[in-house]
Amino acid sequence: MANGRRTRPGTPSCPRRRGDRGHPVLASEGSDHRLRTWARDTAAALPNGTHRSLPGEWHGVAPADLAAAISAFCLDA
């Protein structure tokens, strides 16, 4: 357990888990306008929300692109 939460073996916990550090909202560039708008609006409504569009098909992002985005958020890159 890390920070009182279960993590999968070999999966480090994200040091930015606390809500005051922000909330990433990720969306696929290939999703329809409605989903992209909801993602952008959700990020705007959250305290310290950030929106990022990633390359991908409808409602899907390549695992490597998703991992890079999450790592960047967790590591403050």
PDB file of N, CA and C in Angstrom:
ATOM      1  N   MET A   1       0.837  -1.188   0.000  1.00  0.00           N
ATOM      2  CA  MET A   1       0.000   0.000   0.000  1.00  0.00           C
ATOM      3  C   MET A   1       0.877   1.244   0.000  1.00  0.00           C
ATOM      4  N   ALA A   2       0.470   2.185  -0.776  1.00  0.00           N
ATOM      5  CA  ALA A   2       1.162   3.468  -0.810  1.00  0.00           C
ATOM      6  C   ALA A   2       0.136   4.547  -0.508  1.00  0.00           C
ATOM      7  N   ASN A   3       0.442   5.390   0.426  1.00  0.00           N
ATOM      8  CA  ASN A   3      -0.489   6.451   0.824  1.00  0.00           C
ATOM      9  C   ASN A   3      -1.838   5.876   1.246  1.00  0.00           C
ATOM     10  N   GLY A   4      -1.821   4.655   1.853  1.00  0.00           N
ATOM     11  CA  GLY A   4      -3.062   4.055   2.302  1.00  0.00           C
ATOM     12  C   GLY A   4      -3.900   3.454   1.189  1.00  0.00           C
ATOM     13  N   ARG A   5      -3.383   3.408  -0.034  1.00  0.00           N
ATOM     14  CA  ARG A   5      -4.129   2.855  -1.163  1.00  0.00           C
ATOM     15  C   ARG A   5      -3.356   1.701  -1.763  1.00  0.00           C
ATOM     16  N   ARG A   6      -4.076   0.778  -2.315  1.00  0.00           N
ATOM     17  CA  ARG A   6      -3.427  -0.361  -2.948  1.00  0.00           C
ATOM     18  C   ARG A   6      -2.874   0.039  -4.310  1.00  0.00           C
ATOM     19  N   THR A   7      -1.715  -0.473  -4.610  1.00  0.00           N
ATOM     20  CA  THR A   7      -1.149  -0.293  -5.945  1.00  0.00           C
ATOM     21  C   THR A   7      -0.728  -1.661  -6.441  1.00  0.00           C
ATOM     22  N   ARG A   8      -0.682  -1.823  -7.727  1.00  0.00           N
ATOM     23  CA  ARG A   8      -0.225  -3.080  -8.295  1.00  0.00           C
ATOM     24  C   ARG A   8       1.273  -3.188  -8.098  1.00  0.00           C
ATOM     25  N   PRO A   9       1.790  -4.408  -7.925  1.00  0.00           N
ATOM     26  CA  PRO A   9       3.234  -4.577  -7.757  1.00  0.00           C
ATOM     27  C   PRO A   9       3.990  -3.937  -8.923  1.00  0.00           C
ATOM     28  N   GLY A  10       5.024  -3.198  -8.596  1.00  0.00           N
ATOM     29  CA  GLY A  10       5.824  -2.542  -9.634  1.00  0.00           C
ATOM     30  C   GLY A  10       5.248  -1.229 -10.111  1.00  0.00           C
ATOM     31  N   THR A  11       4.124  -0.814  -9.561  1.00  0.00           N
ATOM     32  CA  THR A  11       3.494   0.438  -9.969  1.00  0.00           C
ATOM     33  C   THR A  11       3.681   1.460  -8.861  1.00  0.00           C
ATOM     34  N   PRO A  12       4.564   2.435  -9.060  1.00  0.00           N
ATOM     35  CA  PRO A  12       4.752   3.441  -8.011  1.00  0.00           C
ATOM     36  C   PRO A  12       3.524   4.337  -7.912  1.00  0.00           C
ATOM     37  N   SER A  13       3.260   4.817  -6.727  1.00  0.00           N
ATOM     38  CA  SER A  13       2.137   5.738  -6.578  1.00  0.00           C
ATOM     39  C   SER A  13       2.547   7.107  -7.087  1.00  0.00           C
ATOM     40  N   CYS A  14       1.577   7.842  -7.506  1.00  0.00           N
ATOM     41  CA  CYS A  14       1.815   9.183  -8.027  1.00  0.00           C
ATOM     42  C   CYS A  14       1.966  10.141  -6.851  1.00  0.00           C
ATOM     43  N   PRO A  15       3.081  10.859  -6.756  1.00  0.00           N
ATOM     44  CA  PRO A  15       3.267  11.771  -5.641  1.00  0.00           C
ATOM     45  C   PRO A  15       2.318  12.965  -5.669  1.00  0.00           C
ATOM     46  N   ARG A  16       1.601  13.174  -6.757  1.00  0.00           N
ATOM     47  CA  ARG A  16       0.686  14.317  -6.862  1.00  0.00           C
ATOM     48  C   ARG A  16      -0.754  13.906  -6.611  1.00  0.00           C
ATOM     49  N   ARG A  17      -1.005  12.899  -5.837  1.00  0.00           N
ATOM     50  CA  ARG A  17      -2.352  12.381  -5.639  1.00  0.00           C
ATOM     51  C   ARG A  17      -3.273  13.356  -4.918  1.00  0.00           C
ATOM     52  N   ARG A  18      -2.774  14.185  -4.071  1.00  0.00           N
ATOM     53  CA  ARG A  18      -3.642  15.087  -3.317  1.00  0.00           C
ATOM     54  C   ARG A  18      -4.351  16.048  -4.253  1.00  0.00           C
ATOM     55  N   GLY A  19      -5.625  16.275  -3.977  1.00  0.00           N
ATOM     56  CA  GLY A  19      -6.448  17.103  -4.850  1.00  0.00           C
ATOM     57  C   GLY A  19      -5.964  18.524  -5.015  1.00  0.00           C
ATOM     58  N   ASP A  20      -5.239  19.064  -4.025  1.00  0.00           N
ATOM     59  CA  ASP A  20      -4.787  20.443  -4.146  1.00  0.00           C
ATOM     60  C   ASP A  20      -3.665  20.590  -5.163  1.00  0.00           C
ATOM     61  N   ARG A  21      -3.166  19.484  -5.634  1.00  0.00           N
ATOM     62  CA  ARG A  21      -2.100  19.539  -6.640  1.00  0.00           C
ATOM     63  C   ARG A  21      -2.631  19.497  -8.063  1.00  0.00           C
ATOM     64  N   GLY A  22      -3.916  19.440  -8.219  1.00  0.00           N
ATOM     65  CA  GLY A  22      -4.486  19.491  -9.551  1.00  0.00           C
ATOM     66  C   GLY A  22      -5.161  18.204  -9.967  1.00  0.00           C
ATOM     67  N   HIS A  23      -5.902  18.317 -11.028  1.00  0.00           N
ATOM     68  CA  HIS A  23      -6.660  17.196 -11.567  1.00  0.00           C
ATOM     69  C   HIS A  23      -6.473  17.171 -13.079  1.00  0.00           C
ATOM     70  N   PRO A  24      -5.773  16.170 -13.593  1.00  0.00           N
ATOM     71  CA  PRO A  24      -5.620  16.098 -15.047  1.00  0.00           C
ATOM     72  C   PRO A  24      -6.861  15.491 -15.688  1.00  0.00           C
ATOM     73  N   VAL A  25      -7.292  16.057 -16.778  1.00  0.00           N
ATOM     74  CA  VAL A  25      -8.381  15.500 -17.574  1.00  0.00           C
ATOM     75  C   VAL A  25      -7.814  15.294 -18.973  1.00  0.00           C
ATOM     76  N   LEU A  26      -7.760  14.038 -19.386  1.00  0.00           N
ATOM     77  CA  LEU A  26      -7.161  13.689 -20.668  1.00  0.00           C
ATOM     78  C   LEU A  26      -8.248  13.290 -21.644  1.00  0.00           C
ATOM     79  N   ALA A  27      -8.072  13.684 -22.895  1.00  0.00           N
ATOM     80  CA  ALA A  27      -9.042  13.351 -23.933  1.00  0.00           C
ATOM     81  C   ALA A  27      -8.301  12.959 -25.201  1.00  0.00           C
ATOM     82  N   SER A  28      -8.973  12.191 -26.013  1.00  0.00           N
ATOM     83  CA  SER A  28      -8.418  11.777 -27.299  1.00  0.00           C
ATOM     84  C   SER A  28      -8.791  12.784 -28.382  1.00  0.00           C
ATOM     85  N   GLU A  29      -7.826  13.146 -29.198  1.00  0.00           N
ATOM     86  CA  GLU A  29      -8.100  14.078 -30.300  1.00  0.00           C
ATOM     87  C   GLU A  29      -9.092  13.484 -31.298  1.00  0.00           C
ATOM     88  N   GLY A  30      -9.196  12.163 -31.337  1.00  0.00           N
ATOM     89  CA  GLY A  30     -10.097  11.507 -32.277  1.00  0.00           C
ATOM     90  C   GLY A  30     -11.525  11.364 -31.781  1.00  0.00           C
ATOM     91  N   SER A  31     -11.778  11.727 -30.533  1.00  0.00           N
ATOM     92  CA  SER A  31     -13.144  11.660 -30.009  1.00  0.00           C
ATOM     93  C   SER A  31     -13.983  12.768 -30.629  1.00  0.00           C
ATOM     94  N   ASP A  32     -15.293  12.580 -30.593  1.00  0.00           N
ATOM     95  CA  ASP A  32     -16.145  13.589 -31.215  1.00  0.00           C
ATOM     96  C   ASP A  32     -16.122  14.893 -30.413  1.00  0.00           C
ATOM     97  N   HIS A  33     -16.617  15.930 -31.026  1.00  0.00           N
ATOM     98  CA  HIS A  33     -16.583  17.277 -30.441  1.00  0.00           C
ATOM     99  C   HIS A  33     -17.232  17.306 -29.058  1.00  0.00           C
ATOM    100  N   ARG A  34     -18.331  16.580 -28.907  1.00  0.00           N
ATOM    101  CA  ARG A  34     -19.054  16.562 -27.644  1.00  0.00           C
ATOM    102  C   ARG A  34     -18.169  16.041 -26.512  1.00  0.00           C
ATOM    103  N   LEU A  35     -17.475  14.935 -26.699  1.00  0.00           N
ATOM    104  CA  LEU A  35     -16.613  14.384 -25.655  1.00  0.00           C
ATOM    105  C   LEU A  35     -15.422  15.291 -25.363  1.00  0.00           C
ATOM    106  N   ARG A  36     -14.846  15.882 -26.409  1.00  0.00           N
ATOM    107  CA  ARG A  36     -13.719  16.798 -26.200  1.00  0.00           C
ATOM    108  C   ARG A  36     -14.165  18.036 -25.421  1.00  0.00           C
ATOM    109  N   THR A  37     -15.365  18.517 -25.705  1.00  0.00           N
ATOM    110  CA  THR A  37     -15.900  19.674 -24.985  1.00  0.00           C
ATOM    111  C   THR A  37     -16.156  19.327 -23.526  1.00  0.00           C
ATOM    112  N   TRP A  38     -16.712  18.158 -23.262  1.00  0.00           N
ATOM    113  CA  TRP A  38     -16.955  17.747 -21.880  1.00  0.00           C
ATOM    114  C   TRP A  38     -15.646  17.655 -21.107  1.00  0.00           C
ATOM    115  N   ALA A  39     -14.612  17.128 -21.733  1.00  0.00           N
ATOM    116  CA  ALA A  39     -13.311  17.017 -21.058  1.00  0.00           C
ATOM    117  C   ALA A  39     -12.765  18.404 -20.725  1.00  0.00           C
ATOM    118  N   ARG A  40     -12.828  19.306 -21.684  1.00  0.00           N
ATOM    119  CA  ARG A  40     -12.329  20.663 -21.465  1.00  0.00           C
ATOM    120  C   ARG A  40     -13.127  21.369 -20.367  1.00  0.00           C
ATOM    121  N   ASP A  41     -14.461  21.217 -20.400  1.00  0.00           N
ATOM    122  CA  ASP A  41     -15.318  21.854 -19.396  1.00  0.00           C
ATOM    123  C   ASP A  41     -15.112  21.240 -18.009  1.00  0.00           C
ATOM    124  N   THR A  42     -14.894  19.948 -17.957  1.00  0.00           N
ATOM    125  CA  THR A  42     -14.634  19.291 -16.670  1.00  0.00           C
ATOM    126  C   THR A  42     -13.360  19.822 -16.054  1.00  0.00           C
ATOM    127  N   ALA A  43     -12.305  19.933 -16.842  1.00  0.00           N
ATOM    128  CA  ALA A  43     -11.038  20.469 -16.332  1.00  0.00           C
ATOM    129  C   ALA A  43     -11.219  21.897 -15.830  1.00  0.00           C
ATOM    130  N   ALA A  44     -12.000  22.685 -16.545  1.00  0.00           N
ATOM    131  CA  ALA A  44     -12.224  24.075 -16.141  1.00  0.00           C
ATOM    132  C   ALA A  44     -13.005  24.167 -14.826  1.00  0.00           C
ATOM    133  N   ALA A  45     -13.850  23.177 -14.565  1.00  0.00           N
ATOM    134  CA  ALA A  45     -14.675  23.207 -13.359  1.00  0.00           C
ATOM    135  C   ALA A  45     -13.940  22.673 -12.125  1.00  0.00           C
ATOM    136  N   LEU A  46     -12.861  21.959 -12.311  1.00  0.00           N
ATOM    137  CA  LEU A  46     -12.115  21.376 -11.190  1.00  0.00           C
ATOM    138  C   LEU A  46     -11.093  22.353 -10.622  1.00  0.00           C
ATOM    139  N   PRO A  47     -10.855  22.288  -9.324  1.00  0.00           N
ATOM    140  CA  PRO A  47      -9.783  23.108  -8.749  1.00  0.00           C
ATOM    141  C   PRO A  47      -8.443  22.673  -9.357  1.00  0.00           C
ATOM    142  N   ASN A  48      -7.729  23.579  -9.908  1.00  0.00           N
ATOM    143  CA  ASN A  48      -6.438  23.291 -10.540  1.00  0.00           C
ATOM    144  C   ASN A  48      -6.545  22.239 -11.631  1.00  0.00           C
ATOM    145  N   GLY A  49      -7.676  22.212 -12.309  1.00  0.00           N
ATOM    146  CA  GLY A  49      -7.855  21.246 -13.388  1.00  0.00           C
ATOM    147  C   GLY A  49      -7.009  21.607 -14.597  1.00  0.00           C
ATOM    148  N   THR A  50      -6.508  20.582 -15.249  1.00  0.00           N
ATOM    149  CA  THR A  50      -5.758  20.779 -16.486  1.00  0.00           C
ATOM    150  C   THR A  50      -6.334  19.861 -17.551  1.00  0.00           C
ATOM    151  N   HIS A  51      -6.431  20.368 -18.748  1.00  0.00           N
ATOM    152  CA  HIS A  51      -6.952  19.577 -19.865  1.00  0.00           C
ATOM    153  C   HIS A  51      -5.837  19.351 -20.863  1.00  0.00           C
ATOM    154  N   ARG A  52      -5.779  18.151 -21.359  1.00  0.00           N
ATOM    155  CA  ARG A  52      -4.778  17.839 -22.372  1.00  0.00           C
ATOM    156  C   ARG A  52      -5.385  16.891 -23.386  1.00  0.00           C
ATOM    157  N   SER A  53      -5.249  17.208 -24.669  1.00  0.00           N
ATOM    158  CA  SER A  53      -5.697  16.332 -25.745  1.00  0.00           C
ATOM    159  C   SER A  53      -4.513  15.509 -26.219  1.00  0.00           C
ATOM    160  N   LEU A  54      -4.747  14.215 -26.352  1.00  0.00           N
ATOM    161  CA  LEU A  54      -3.698  13.303 -26.778  1.00  0.00           C
ATOM    162  C   LEU A  54      -4.061  12.694 -28.125  1.00  0.00           C
ATOM    163  N   PRO A  55      -3.052  12.370 -28.941  1.00  0.00           N
ATOM    164  CA  PRO A  55      -3.354  11.736 -30.225  1.00  0.00           C
ATOM    165  C   PRO A  55      -4.069  10.407 -29.995  1.00  0.00           C
ATOM    166  N   GLY A  56      -5.022  10.118 -30.840  1.00  0.00           N
ATOM    167  CA  GLY A  56      -5.721   8.846 -30.712  1.00  0.00           C
ATOM    168  C   GLY A  56      -6.992   8.803 -31.521  1.00  0.00           C
ATOM    169  N   GLU A  57      -7.606   7.644 -31.492  1.00  0.00           N
ATOM    170  CA  GLU A  57      -8.858   7.400 -32.189  1.00  0.00           C
ATOM    171  C   GLU A  57     -10.012   7.799 -31.281  1.00  0.00           C
ATOM    172  N   TRP A  58     -11.237   7.500 -31.704  1.00  0.00           N
ATOM    173  CA  TRP A  58     -12.406   7.836 -30.909  1.00  0.00           C
ATOM    174  C   TRP A  58     -12.303   7.175 -29.541  1.00  0.00           C
ATOM    175  N   HIS A  59     -12.287   7.970 -28.513  1.00  0.00           N
ATOM    176  CA  HIS A  59     -12.325   7.534 -27.121  1.00  0.00           C
ATOM    177  C   HIS A  59     -11.188   6.557 -26.783  1.00  0.00           C
ATOM    178  N   GLY A  60     -10.058   6.707 -27.457  1.00  0.00           N
ATOM    179  CA  GLY A  60      -8.929   5.829 -27.171  1.00  0.00           C
ATOM    180  C   GLY A  60      -7.604   6.513 -27.441  1.00  0.00           C
ATOM    181  N   VAL A  61      -6.633   6.205 -26.604  1.00  0.00           N
ATOM    182  CA  VAL A  61      -5.289   6.778 -26.709  1.00  0.00           C
ATOM    183  C   VAL A  61      -4.292   5.627 -26.639  1.00  0.00           C
ATOM    184  N   ALA A  62      -3.229   5.721 -27.401  1.00  0.00           N
ATOM    185  CA  ALA A  62      -2.195   4.684 -27.362  1.00  0.00           C
ATOM    186  C   ALA A  62      -1.618   4.584 -25.947  1.00  0.00           C
ATOM    187  N   PRO A  63      -1.396   3.376 -25.451  1.00  0.00           N
ATOM    188  CA  PRO A  63      -0.878   3.215 -24.093  1.00  0.00           C
ATOM    189  C   PRO A  63       0.390   4.021 -23.816  1.00  0.00           C
ATOM    190  N   ALA A  64       1.303   4.089 -24.766  1.00  0.00           N
ATOM    191  CA  ALA A  64       2.548   4.843 -24.554  1.00  0.00           C
ATOM    192  C   ALA A  64       2.273   6.335 -24.378  1.00  0.00           C
ATOM    193  N   ASP A  65       1.339   6.881 -25.158  1.00  0.00           N
ATOM    194  CA  ASP A  65       0.989   8.305 -25.040  1.00  0.00           C
ATOM    195  C   ASP A  65       0.296   8.583 -23.711  1.00  0.00           C
ATOM    196  N   LEU A  66      -0.579   7.677 -23.298  1.00  0.00           N
ATOM    197  CA  LEU A  66      -1.271   7.833 -22.023  1.00  0.00           C
ATOM    198  C   LEU A  66      -0.288   7.749 -20.858  1.00  0.00           C
ATOM    199  N   ALA A  67       0.611   6.774 -20.920  1.00  0.00           N
ATOM    200  CA  ALA A  67       1.612   6.623 -19.850  1.00  0.00           C
ATOM    201  C   ALA A  67       2.503   7.854 -19.758  1.00  0.00           C
ATOM    202  N   ALA A  68       2.893   8.412 -20.898  1.00  0.00           N
ATOM    203  CA  ALA A  68       3.750   9.603 -20.897  1.00  0.00           C
ATOM    204  C   ALA A  68       3.016  10.796 -20.271  1.00  0.00           C
ATOM    205  N   ALA A  69       1.735  10.953 -20.575  1.00  0.00           N
ATOM    206  CA  ALA A  69       0.956  12.066 -20.019  1.00  0.00           C
ATOM    207  C   ALA A  69       0.798  11.918 -18.509  1.00  0.00           C
ATOM    208  N   ILE A  70       0.530  10.711 -18.045  1.00  0.00           N
ATOM    209  CA  ILE A  70       0.360  10.481 -16.617  1.00  0.00           C
ATOM    210  C   ILE A  70       1.696  10.662 -15.903  1.00  0.00           C
ATOM    211  N   SER A  71       2.766  10.156 -16.483  1.00  0.00           N
ATOM    212  CA  SER A  71       4.100  10.329 -15.883  1.00  0.00           C
ATOM    213  C   SER A  71       4.471  11.801 -15.776  1.00  0.00           C
ATOM    214  N   ALA A  72       4.175  12.555 -16.834  1.00  0.00           N
ATOM    215  CA  ALA A  72       4.494  13.985 -16.815  1.00  0.00           C
ATOM    216  C   ALA A  72       3.749  14.686 -15.683  1.00  0.00           C
ATOM    217  N   PHE A  73       2.481  14.324 -15.483  1.00  0.00           N
ATOM    218  CA  PHE A  73       1.713  14.924 -14.396  1.00  0.00           C
ATOM    219  C   PHE A  73       2.274  14.528 -13.039  1.00  0.00           C
ATOM    220  N   CYS A  74       2.561  13.241 -12.864  1.00  0.00           N
ATOM    221  CA  CYS A  74       3.044  12.758 -11.576  1.00  0.00           C
ATOM    222  C   CYS A  74       4.443  13.276 -11.225  1.00  0.00           C
ATOM    223  N   LEU A  75       5.256  13.420 -12.238  1.00  0.00           N
ATOM    224  CA  LEU A  75       6.637  13.846 -12.001  1.00  0.00           C
ATOM    225  C   LEU A  75       6.815  15.349 -12.158  1.00  0.00           C
ATOM    226  N   ASP A  76       5.716  16.045 -12.501  1.00  0.00           N
ATOM    227  CA  ASP A  76       5.768  17.482 -12.691  1.00  0.00           C
ATOM    228  C   ASP A  76       6.724  17.865 -13.802  1.00  0.00           C
ATOM    229  N   ALA A  77       6.774  17.031 -14.851  1.00  0.00           N
ATOM    230  CA  ALA A  77       7.705  17.275 -15.959  1.00  0.00           C
ATOM    231  C   ALA A  77       7.201  18.378 -16.863  1.00  0.00           C
TER     232      ALA A  77
END
